[in-house]
Structure formats: structure tokens, C-alpha cells
N, C-alpha and C. Protein backbone atom coordinates (compact mmCIF):
# COMPACT_ATOMS: atom_id res chain seq x y z
N MET A 1 0.82 -1.19 0.00
CA MET A 1 0.00 0.00 0.00
C MET A 1 0.87 1.26 0.00
N GLN A 2 1.95 1.20 0.75
CA GLN A 2 2.85 2.35 0.84
C GLN A 2 3.51 2.64 -0.51
N GLU A 3 3.84 1.60 -1.27
CA GLU A 3 4.48 1.81 -2.57
C GLU A 3 3.55 2.50 -3.55
N THR A 4 2.29 2.13 -3.57
CA THR A 4 1.36 2.76 -4.51
C THR A 4 1.16 4.23 -4.19
N ILE A 5 1.21 4.58 -2.94
CA ILE A 5 1.09 5.99 -2.56
C ILE A 5 2.32 6.76 -3.05
N LYS A 6 3.49 6.17 -2.92
CA LYS A 6 4.71 6.84 -3.39
C LYS A 6 4.70 6.99 -4.90
N ASN A 7 4.23 5.97 -5.63
CA ASN A 7 4.21 6.04 -7.08
C ASN A 7 3.17 7.04 -7.59
N GLN A 8 2.11 7.27 -6.84
CA GLN A 8 1.12 8.24 -7.27
C GLN A 8 1.64 9.66 -7.16
N GLU A 9 2.59 9.90 -6.31
CA GLU A 9 3.17 11.23 -6.18
C GLU A 9 4.11 11.56 -7.33
N LYS A 10 4.65 10.54 -7.97
CA LYS A 10 5.56 10.77 -9.09
C LYS A 10 4.76 11.08 -10.35
N LYS A 11 5.33 11.92 -11.19
CA LYS A 11 4.70 12.28 -12.45
C LYS A 11 5.33 11.47 -13.58
N VAL A 12 4.51 11.07 -14.53
CA VAL A 12 5.02 10.39 -15.72
C VAL A 12 5.52 11.46 -16.68
N LEU A 13 6.72 11.26 -17.16
CA LEU A 13 7.30 12.21 -18.10
C LEU A 13 6.54 12.16 -19.42
N SER A 14 5.94 13.27 -19.80
CA SER A 14 5.19 13.29 -21.06
C SER A 14 6.14 13.18 -22.26
N ASP A 15 7.36 13.69 -22.10
CA ASP A 15 8.33 13.58 -23.20
C ASP A 15 8.74 12.14 -23.44
N SER A 16 8.77 11.32 -22.38
CA SER A 16 9.13 9.91 -22.59
C SER A 16 8.03 9.21 -23.38
N ARG A 17 6.78 9.53 -23.07
CA ARG A 17 5.66 8.96 -23.81
C ARG A 17 5.69 9.44 -25.26
N ASN A 18 5.93 10.71 -25.47
CA ASN A 18 5.99 11.26 -26.83
C ASN A 18 7.14 10.66 -27.62
N GLY A 19 8.29 10.47 -26.98
CA GLY A 19 9.43 9.87 -27.66
C GLY A 19 9.17 8.45 -28.09
N MET A 20 8.50 7.69 -27.21
CA MET A 20 8.19 6.31 -27.55
C MET A 20 7.17 6.24 -28.69
N ILE A 21 6.18 7.10 -28.66
CA ILE A 21 5.17 7.12 -29.73
C ILE A 21 5.82 7.51 -31.06
N CYS A 22 6.68 8.52 -31.04
CA CYS A 22 7.36 8.93 -32.28
C CYS A 22 8.27 7.82 -32.80
N GLY A 23 8.97 7.12 -31.90
CA GLY A 23 9.83 6.02 -32.33
C GLY A 23 9.05 4.90 -32.98
N ILE A 24 7.93 4.54 -32.38
CA ILE A 24 7.10 3.48 -32.95
C ILE A 24 6.50 3.92 -34.28
N CYS A 25 6.07 5.17 -34.36
CA CYS A 25 5.50 5.68 -35.61
C CYS A 25 6.54 5.74 -36.72
N SER A 26 7.78 6.03 -36.37
CA SER A 26 8.82 6.06 -37.40
C SER A 26 9.08 4.67 -37.96
N LEU A 27 8.91 3.64 -37.14
CA LEU A 27 9.04 2.27 -37.64
C LEU A 27 7.83 1.85 -38.46
N ASN A 28 6.66 2.34 -38.12
CA ASN A 28 5.45 1.97 -38.84
C ASN A 28 5.36 2.61 -40.21
N GLN A 29 6.16 3.61 -40.49
CA GLN A 29 6.14 4.25 -41.80
C GLN A 29 6.56 3.29 -42.91
N PHE A 30 7.31 2.25 -42.56
CA PHE A 30 7.85 1.37 -43.60
C PHE A 30 6.86 0.30 -44.04
N TRP A 31 5.71 0.21 -43.39
CA TRP A 31 4.71 -0.77 -43.80
C TRP A 31 4.02 -0.32 -45.07
N SER A 32 3.94 0.96 -45.30
CA SER A 32 3.28 1.44 -46.52
C SER A 32 4.36 1.92 -47.49
N LEU A 33 4.81 1.03 -48.31
CA LEU A 33 5.88 1.37 -49.25
C LEU A 33 5.32 1.81 -50.60
N SER A 34 4.09 2.29 -50.61
CA SER A 34 3.50 2.72 -51.88
C SER A 34 4.26 3.92 -52.45
N ASN A 35 4.64 4.85 -51.61
CA ASN A 35 5.42 5.99 -52.05
C ASN A 35 6.64 6.08 -51.14
N ILE A 36 7.70 5.43 -51.54
CA ILE A 36 8.86 5.26 -50.66
C ILE A 36 9.54 6.60 -50.36
N LYS A 37 9.44 7.56 -51.25
CA LYS A 37 10.09 8.84 -51.01
C LYS A 37 9.42 9.59 -49.87
N VAL A 38 8.11 9.62 -49.88
CA VAL A 38 7.37 10.34 -48.83
C VAL A 38 7.50 9.63 -47.49
N THR A 39 7.35 8.31 -47.49
CA THR A 39 7.39 7.58 -46.22
C THR A 39 8.78 7.61 -45.60
N SER A 40 9.82 7.57 -46.41
CA SER A 40 11.16 7.59 -45.83
C SER A 40 11.48 8.97 -45.23
N ILE A 41 11.06 10.03 -45.88
CA ILE A 41 11.29 11.37 -45.33
C ILE A 41 10.47 11.55 -44.06
N ALA A 42 9.23 11.08 -44.06
CA ALA A 42 8.40 11.18 -42.87
C ALA A 42 8.99 10.38 -41.71
N ALA A 43 9.52 9.20 -42.00
CA ALA A 43 10.12 8.38 -40.96
C ALA A 43 11.34 9.06 -40.34
N VAL A 44 12.15 9.70 -41.17
CA VAL A 44 13.33 10.40 -40.65
C VAL A 44 12.91 11.57 -39.76
N LEU A 45 11.94 12.34 -40.21
CA LEU A 45 11.50 13.49 -39.41
C LEU A 45 10.87 13.05 -38.09
N ILE A 46 10.03 12.04 -38.13
CA ILE A 46 9.40 11.55 -36.90
C ILE A 46 10.45 10.97 -35.96
N ALA A 47 11.44 10.25 -36.50
CA ALA A 47 12.50 9.68 -35.67
C ALA A 47 13.34 10.77 -35.00
N ILE A 48 13.58 11.86 -35.70
CA ILE A 48 14.34 12.97 -35.10
C ILE A 48 13.56 13.56 -33.93
N PHE A 49 12.25 13.75 -34.11
CA PHE A 49 11.44 14.24 -32.99
C PHE A 49 11.44 13.24 -31.83
N GLY A 50 11.40 11.96 -32.15
CA GLY A 50 11.46 10.94 -31.11
C GLY A 50 12.76 10.97 -30.33
N LEU A 51 13.86 11.19 -31.04
CA LEU A 51 15.16 11.32 -30.37
C LEU A 51 15.19 12.53 -29.45
N ILE A 52 14.67 13.64 -29.92
CA ILE A 52 14.67 14.86 -29.10
C ILE A 52 13.85 14.65 -27.84
N PHE A 53 12.64 14.12 -27.98
CA PHE A 53 11.79 13.89 -26.81
C PHE A 53 12.42 12.90 -25.84
N SER A 54 12.99 11.82 -26.37
CA SER A 54 13.55 10.79 -25.50
C SER A 54 14.79 11.27 -24.75
N ILE A 55 15.65 12.01 -25.43
CA ILE A 55 16.86 12.52 -24.78
C ILE A 55 16.48 13.54 -23.71
N LYS A 56 15.51 14.39 -24.01
CA LYS A 56 15.05 15.36 -23.03
C LYS A 56 14.46 14.66 -21.80
N ALA A 57 13.67 13.61 -22.02
CA ALA A 57 13.08 12.88 -20.89
C ALA A 57 14.14 12.16 -20.07
N LYS A 58 15.15 11.59 -20.74
CA LYS A 58 16.23 10.91 -20.00
C LYS A 58 17.00 11.90 -19.13
N LYS A 59 17.23 13.10 -19.64
CA LYS A 59 17.93 14.12 -18.85
C LYS A 59 17.10 14.56 -17.65
N MET A 60 15.80 14.75 -17.88
CA MET A 60 14.93 15.15 -16.76
C MET A 60 14.88 14.06 -15.70
N TYR A 61 14.80 12.81 -16.12
CA TYR A 61 14.76 11.70 -15.16
C TYR A 61 16.09 11.57 -14.42
N LYS A 62 17.18 11.79 -15.13
CA LYS A 62 18.50 11.69 -14.50
C LYS A 62 18.70 12.78 -13.44
N ASN A 63 18.15 13.96 -13.69
CA ASN A 63 18.29 15.06 -12.73
C ASN A 63 17.45 14.86 -11.48
N ALA A 64 16.27 14.24 -11.61
CA ALA A 64 15.38 14.07 -10.46
C ALA A 64 14.63 12.74 -10.57
N PRO A 65 15.28 11.60 -10.32
CA PRO A 65 14.60 10.32 -10.47
C PRO A 65 13.50 10.08 -9.43
N SER A 66 13.55 10.81 -8.33
CA SER A 66 12.51 10.62 -7.31
C SER A 66 11.20 11.33 -7.67
N LYS A 67 11.23 12.22 -8.65
CA LYS A 67 10.04 12.97 -9.04
C LYS A 67 9.28 12.35 -10.20
N TYR A 68 9.99 11.56 -11.04
CA TYR A 68 9.39 11.16 -12.31
C TYR A 68 9.37 9.65 -12.49
N LEU A 69 8.42 9.21 -13.30
CA LEU A 69 8.33 7.85 -13.82
C LEU A 69 8.49 7.92 -15.33
N GLY A 70 8.82 6.80 -15.94
CA GLY A 70 8.85 6.76 -17.40
C GLY A 70 10.23 6.65 -18.00
N SER A 71 11.21 6.23 -17.22
CA SER A 71 12.54 6.07 -17.79
C SER A 71 12.58 4.95 -18.82
N GLY A 72 11.80 3.90 -18.59
CA GLY A 72 11.74 2.79 -19.55
C GLY A 72 11.13 3.21 -20.87
N MET A 73 10.11 4.05 -20.81
CA MET A 73 9.50 4.54 -22.05
C MET A 73 10.48 5.42 -22.81
N ALA A 74 11.28 6.20 -22.09
CA ALA A 74 12.27 7.05 -22.75
C ALA A 74 13.34 6.19 -23.43
N THR A 75 13.75 5.12 -22.77
CA THR A 75 14.73 4.21 -23.37
C THR A 75 14.15 3.53 -24.60
N ALA A 76 12.91 3.07 -24.50
CA ALA A 76 12.26 2.44 -25.66
C ALA A 76 12.12 3.43 -26.81
N GLY A 77 11.78 4.67 -26.50
CA GLY A 77 11.68 5.70 -27.53
C GLY A 77 13.01 5.99 -28.18
N LEU A 78 14.07 5.99 -27.37
CA LEU A 78 15.41 6.23 -27.90
C LEU A 78 15.82 5.12 -28.86
N ILE A 79 15.59 3.87 -28.47
CA ILE A 79 15.98 2.73 -29.30
C ILE A 79 15.17 2.69 -30.58
N THR A 80 13.85 2.83 -30.48
CA THR A 80 13.03 2.76 -31.69
C THR A 80 13.27 3.95 -32.61
N SER A 81 13.57 5.11 -32.03
CA SER A 81 13.87 6.28 -32.87
C SER A 81 15.19 6.11 -33.61
N ILE A 82 16.18 5.52 -32.96
CA ILE A 82 17.46 5.28 -33.64
C ILE A 82 17.29 4.28 -34.77
N ILE A 83 16.54 3.21 -34.52
CA ILE A 83 16.30 2.22 -35.58
C ILE A 83 15.51 2.86 -36.72
N GLY A 84 14.48 3.64 -36.39
CA GLY A 84 13.70 4.32 -37.42
C GLY A 84 14.51 5.31 -38.22
N LEU A 85 15.44 6.00 -37.55
CA LEU A 85 16.29 6.96 -38.24
C LEU A 85 17.25 6.26 -39.20
N VAL A 86 17.85 5.18 -38.75
CA VAL A 86 18.79 4.44 -39.61
C VAL A 86 18.07 3.86 -40.81
N LEU A 87 16.92 3.23 -40.58
CA LEU A 87 16.16 2.68 -41.71
C LEU A 87 15.66 3.79 -42.63
N GLY A 88 15.22 4.89 -42.06
CA GLY A 88 14.75 6.00 -42.88
C GLY A 88 15.85 6.58 -43.75
N LEU A 89 17.04 6.75 -43.17
CA LEU A 89 18.15 7.27 -43.96
C LEU A 89 18.56 6.30 -45.05
N PHE A 90 18.50 5.00 -44.75
CA PHE A 90 18.80 4.00 -45.78
C PHE A 90 17.82 4.11 -46.94
N PHE A 91 16.52 4.24 -46.62
CA PHE A 91 15.52 4.34 -47.69
C PHE A 91 15.58 5.67 -48.41
N VAL A 92 15.98 6.74 -47.73
CA VAL A 92 16.19 8.02 -48.43
C VAL A 92 17.32 7.87 -49.42
N TYR A 93 18.40 7.22 -49.01
CA TYR A 93 19.51 6.96 -49.93
C TYR A 93 19.05 6.12 -51.10
N TYR A 94 18.30 5.09 -50.79
CA TYR A 94 17.82 4.18 -51.85
C TYR A 94 16.88 4.89 -52.82
N ALA A 95 15.99 5.74 -52.29
CA ALA A 95 14.98 6.37 -53.14
C ALA A 95 15.52 7.55 -53.94
N PHE A 96 16.44 8.31 -53.35
CA PHE A 96 16.86 9.57 -53.99
C PHE A 96 18.28 9.53 -54.55
N LEU A 97 19.19 8.95 -53.84
CA LEU A 97 20.61 9.15 -54.16
C LEU A 97 21.30 7.98 -54.84
N ARG A 98 20.60 6.91 -55.06
CA ARG A 98 21.28 5.78 -55.67
C ARG A 98 21.65 6.10 -57.11
N VAL A 99 22.75 5.55 -57.54
CA VAL A 99 23.25 5.79 -58.89
C VAL A 99 22.57 4.79 -59.81
N ARG A 100 22.02 5.28 -60.90
CA ARG A 100 21.35 4.41 -61.85
C ARG A 100 22.26 4.22 -63.06
N PHE A 101 22.47 2.97 -63.39
CA PHE A 101 23.34 2.64 -64.53
C PHE A 101 22.53 2.29 -65.74
């Protein structure tokens, strides 16, 4: 009972939630490959926002871990945003910059 009271006093970091959502959305962009140029650019932009939100949330949690919850969501957002960014950049290279012989 005492633990639930302590956890209710802590606030969930909204940036960690936003970072995780952006990271997952950047990975979901690759399911619709109908227009690879648009989806790859969108994935890169969403992944960059996910990185910003996740890094900001990790810094806030590191400064005051007793005030906040959501470090796991920030880590998940960081990982999925990095994967989405790498895949997005690969598809941007493939769609725009590849050399055609």
C-alpha cells in the first residue's frame, strides 16, 4: 500500500511517452511502401522528434529520479527512434541518391 502511494506522487514524463510514440510511428512508416520517397522522409522526421523527446526525458529523469516515472518509455523511444532513423536514412539513400546505370 505504501508503494502505490509513493508512485502516485511521481509524475510520468510526457516527453518519454511522446518519444516512444514517435519512435514506434517512425518504424510503422515502412509498412506502406507505396510511395517510398514520402514515407522515408516522414520516418526520418518523426524519428528525429522521437530522439529529441527521449533525450530530453532521459535528462529530466536523471536530474530528479525521485520525481518522475517513465525512464523505460524514454529508453524504448530512444531505441526505436534510432532504428527508425537508420532505416529512414537508408531508404532516403535508396529512393533519392542511388546511382542508376
